[in-house]
Amino acid sequence: MAVHRPVRLPLPSLAASALPVRTLENVEFRRLHESGRAPVYFSLNPGHRFSHPQGRWGLLYLAGTVNTCIWERFGDDILNPGSPVSRSIWTQRQLSTIRVSKVRVCDLTDENVRAQAGVDLSALHHPDVSVPQAWGLAVQKHPNAFEGLLYPSRFDGQRCLALFDRPGLRDGLAVLSTVDLVASDEANAFLLEKQLALI
C-alpha cells in the first residue's frame, strides 16, 4: 500500500512567526552561468526552485562549492540513465566566484529554523516546483525583510544561497573571478571523479 506524506506549504501564521535572521558577512560563493552573461544576474524564472510567479524580486542562485554548482545544473542529467552531460552546454558555461559583503537571510539549512517555519526538506526539494516556490515567496514576504535564503542542495546537501534583488543588495556583491567551465581544474576533477564523459 502506498504511503503518502503531507506536502508542507507555508501556513498564514508564518508571517507572524519570529523567524531568526542570520547575517552572512564577507563570504564567498560560486555561480555557474552562461558564458557572456554577467555573473550577477537576477531573474524570475518559473522553472527555478524559489522563483514564484508572484514574487516581487528577481533571484540570484549561488552555491558554496564548484561541485554543488555542477550538481545543481547537471544533476538530473548525471542521475538519469541515458541523459548524458551535454558537451555543448558544458562548454557554454562559466564559473564565477562572488563575495557577499553582508546579507540577511533565512537559514533553511538549520533544522531548528525549518521546524519553526513548519517546513521539511521534502518540501524544499519537491519535484513540483510550485511547492518550494511557495516557500520562496513566503520568505520574501516575511516582515523580517530577508534578503535571501540559505537552503541545502537536493543533490549533495551542501549549502546554496538564493538572493532577492532588493534595493541596494547588488552593491554588496563583488565578482572576484570568472573562468570557463572547461578550464576549471575543480570542474575537470569532478568529471574524473564521477567518471563522466561529455557527449
Protein backbone atom coordinates (compact mmCIF):
# COMPACT_ATOMS: atom_id res chain seq x y z
CA MET A 1 0.00 0.00 0.00
CA ALA A 2 1.36 3.39 -0.98
CA VAL A 3 2.10 5.82 1.82
CA HIS A 4 1.61 9.50 1.09
CA ARG A 5 3.33 12.04 3.30
CA PRO A 6 1.89 15.53 3.62
CA VAL A 7 3.13 18.27 1.33
CA ARG A 8 4.00 21.13 3.64
CA LEU A 9 3.08 24.54 2.29
CA PRO A 10 3.54 27.81 4.20
CA LEU A 11 0.78 28.49 6.70
CA PRO A 12 -0.69 32.00 7.09
CA SER A 13 0.79 32.04 10.62
CA LEU A 14 4.31 32.06 9.13
CA ALA A 15 4.10 35.82 8.62
CA ALA A 16 3.70 36.28 12.37
CA SER A 17 6.44 33.83 13.27
CA ALA A 18 9.59 35.35 14.75
CA LEU A 19 11.96 33.57 12.39
CA PRO A 20 15.60 34.21 13.26
CA VAL A 21 17.71 36.30 10.92
CA ARG A 22 21.18 35.04 10.06
CA THR A 23 23.69 37.59 8.80
CA LEU A 24 26.38 36.43 6.38
CA GLU A 25 29.41 38.70 6.13
CA ASN A 26 32.31 38.58 3.69
CA VAL A 27 31.61 35.07 2.44
CA GLU A 28 32.43 33.69 -1.00
CA PHE A 29 30.02 31.70 -3.12
CA ARG A 30 30.28 30.22 -6.59
CA ARG A 31 27.98 30.68 -9.56
CA LEU A 32 27.68 28.62 -12.75
CA HIS A 33 26.24 30.75 -15.54
CA GLU A 34 26.03 31.13 -19.28
CA SER A 35 29.14 32.42 -20.99
CA GLY A 36 28.81 36.06 -21.91
CA ARG A 37 26.18 36.73 -19.26
CA ALA A 38 27.11 38.83 -16.24
CA PRO A 39 27.73 36.64 -13.16
CA VAL A 40 25.43 38.88 -11.11
CA TYR A 41 22.16 38.35 -12.92
CA PHE A 42 18.77 38.24 -11.18
CA SER A 43 15.73 36.72 -12.83
CA LEU A 44 12.21 35.44 -12.26
CA ASN A 45 12.08 32.06 -13.97
CA PRO A 46 9.01 29.84 -13.46
CA GLY A 47 11.22 26.75 -13.71
CA HIS A 48 13.54 27.77 -10.88
CA ARG A 49 13.16 26.42 -7.37
CA PHE A 50 12.19 29.52 -5.38
CA SER A 51 11.13 31.85 -8.22
CA HIS A 52 7.40 32.25 -7.58
CA PRO A 53 5.41 33.89 -10.43
CA GLN A 54 4.03 36.44 -7.93
CA GLY A 55 7.43 37.23 -6.45
CA ARG A 56 8.38 40.89 -6.40
CA TRP A 57 12.14 40.36 -6.59
CA GLY A 58 14.27 38.50 -9.10
CA LEU A 59 16.58 35.84 -7.71
CA LEU A 60 20.28 35.08 -7.97
CA TYR A 61 21.29 31.49 -7.17
CA LEU A 62 24.72 30.75 -5.70
CA ALA A 63 26.40 27.67 -4.25
CA GLY A 64 29.12 27.11 -1.70
CA THR A 65 31.33 24.94 -3.93
CA VAL A 66 32.07 24.25 -7.57
CA ASN A 67 30.84 20.67 -7.13
CA THR A 68 27.48 21.89 -5.84
CA CYS A 69 27.18 24.31 -8.78
CA ILE A 70 27.71 21.42 -11.19
CA TRP A 71 25.27 19.16 -9.37
CA GLU A 72 22.60 21.87 -9.36
CA ARG A 73 22.91 22.42 -13.13
CA PHE A 74 23.72 18.92 -14.40
CA GLY A 75 22.49 16.65 -11.60
CA ASP A 76 19.39 15.39 -13.37
CA ASP A 77 21.46 14.54 -16.45
CA ILE A 78 24.04 12.76 -14.31
CA LEU A 79 21.48 10.67 -12.42
CA ASN A 80 19.06 9.89 -15.26
CA PRO A 81 20.16 6.89 -17.35
CA GLY A 82 20.53 7.86 -20.98
CA SER A 83 20.81 11.58 -20.22
CA PRO A 84 24.44 12.41 -20.94
CA VAL A 85 26.15 15.57 -19.83
CA SER A 86 25.96 17.84 -22.86
CA ARG A 87 29.33 18.99 -24.14
CA SER A 88 27.74 21.98 -25.89
CA ILE A 89 26.08 23.17 -22.67
CA TRP A 90 29.22 22.48 -20.61
CA THR A 91 31.41 24.50 -22.98
CA GLN A 92 28.96 27.42 -22.89
CA ARG A 93 29.21 27.88 -19.13
CA GLN A 94 31.48 29.86 -16.83
CA LEU A 95 32.24 29.68 -13.12
CA SER A 96 32.44 32.86 -11.09
CA THR A 97 33.43 33.50 -7.50
CA ILE A 98 31.26 36.16 -5.86
CA ARG A 99 31.91 37.76 -2.49
CA VAL A 100 28.85 38.68 -0.45
CA SER A 101 29.78 41.52 1.88
CA LYS A 102 26.71 41.42 4.12
CA VAL A 103 23.28 39.88 3.68
CA ARG A 104 20.40 38.97 6.00
CA VAL A 105 18.99 35.53 5.26
CA CYS A 106 16.50 32.94 6.41
CA ASP A 107 18.68 29.88 7.08
CA LEU A 108 16.73 26.83 5.95
CA THR A 109 19.84 24.68 6.28
CA ASP A 110 19.21 24.90 10.05
CA GLU A 111 16.80 22.22 11.24
CA ASN A 112 15.62 24.43 14.12
CA VAL A 113 14.68 27.21 11.70
CA ARG A 114 12.90 24.71 9.46
CA ALA A 115 10.98 23.37 12.46
CA GLN A 116 9.97 26.88 13.47
CA ALA A 117 8.85 27.66 9.91
CA GLY A 118 7.00 24.35 9.61
CA VAL A 119 8.88 23.14 6.53
CA ASP A 120 10.73 19.90 5.86
CA LEU A 121 13.40 19.10 3.30
CA SER A 122 10.95 17.25 1.06
CA ALA A 123 9.02 20.48 0.54
CA LEU A 124 12.17 22.43 -0.33
CA HIS A 125 13.18 19.68 -2.78
CA HIS A 126 9.71 18.79 -4.05
CA PRO A 127 9.62 17.82 -7.76
CA ASP A 128 6.59 20.07 -8.23
CA VAL A 129 8.47 23.36 -8.07
CA SER A 130 5.31 25.24 -7.08
CA VAL A 131 5.89 23.85 -3.56
CA PRO A 132 9.38 25.32 -2.96
CA GLN A 133 8.29 28.41 -4.90
CA ALA A 134 5.54 28.95 -2.31
CA TRP A 135 8.21 28.86 0.40
CA GLY A 136 10.41 31.27 -1.55
CA LEU A 137 7.52 33.72 -1.79
CA ALA A 138 6.68 33.33 1.90
CA VAL A 139 10.27 34.10 2.90
CA GLN A 140 10.31 37.12 0.56
CA LYS A 141 7.11 38.49 2.11
CA HIS A 142 8.04 37.84 5.74
CA PRO A 143 8.15 41.00 7.89
CA ASN A 144 11.85 40.36 8.57
CA ALA A 145 12.53 41.55 5.00
CA PHE A 146 15.00 38.75 4.37
CA GLU A 147 17.44 39.44 1.56
CA GLY A 148 17.76 35.79 0.70
CA LEU A 149 17.53 32.25 1.92
CA LEU A 150 20.07 29.53 2.57
CA TYR A 151 19.00 26.04 1.59
CA PRO A 152 20.63 22.62 1.12
CA SER A 153 21.26 21.32 -2.38
CA ARG A 154 18.97 18.45 -3.28
CA PHE A 155 21.95 16.59 -4.75
CA ASP A 156 24.84 16.85 -2.28
CA GLY A 157 23.27 18.57 0.74
CA GLN A 158 25.75 21.46 0.62
CA ARG A 159 24.57 24.99 1.17
CA CYS A 160 23.16 27.14 -1.57
CA LEU A 161 22.06 30.77 -1.42
CA ALA A 162 19.15 32.39 -3.24
CA LEU A 163 19.33 36.19 -3.07
CA PHE A 164 16.40 38.55 -3.62
CA ASP A 165 17.04 41.63 -5.74
CA ARG A 166 16.03 44.08 -3.05
CA PRO A 167 17.17 47.72 -3.41
CA GLY A 168 20.84 48.12 -2.57
CA LEU A 169 21.64 44.41 -2.36
CA ARG A 170 23.73 44.38 -5.54
CA ASP A 171 26.07 46.96 -4.01
CA GLY A 172 27.28 44.29 -1.60
CA LEU A 173 28.20 41.76 -4.30
CA ALA A 174 31.66 41.65 -5.87
CA VAL A 175 32.78 39.33 -8.67
CA LEU A 176 36.26 38.13 -7.72
CA SER A 177 36.99 35.85 -10.67
CA THR A 178 35.44 34.18 -13.70
CA VAL A 179 36.75 31.14 -15.59
CA ASP A 180 35.40 28.99 -18.40
CA LEU A 181 33.96 25.76 -17.01
CA VAL A 182 36.15 23.70 -19.38
CA ALA A 183 39.24 25.41 -17.94
CA SER A 184 38.33 24.85 -14.28
CA ASP A 185 40.56 22.33 -12.50
CA GLU A 186 37.78 21.69 -9.97
CA ALA A 187 35.22 21.04 -12.70
CA ASN A 188 37.55 18.68 -14.55
CA ALA A 189 38.30 16.87 -11.29
CA PHE A 190 34.53 16.44 -10.81
CA LEU A 191 34.20 14.80 -14.24
CA LEU A 192 37.10 12.48 -13.49
CA GLU A 193 35.86 11.52 -10.02
CA LYS A 194 32.33 10.79 -11.27
CA GLN A 195 33.66 9.07 -14.42
CA LEU A 196 31.55 11.31 -16.62
CA ALA A 197 32.04 11.90 -20.31
CA LEU A 198 30.82 14.94 -22.18
CA ILE A 199 28.77 13.97 -25.23
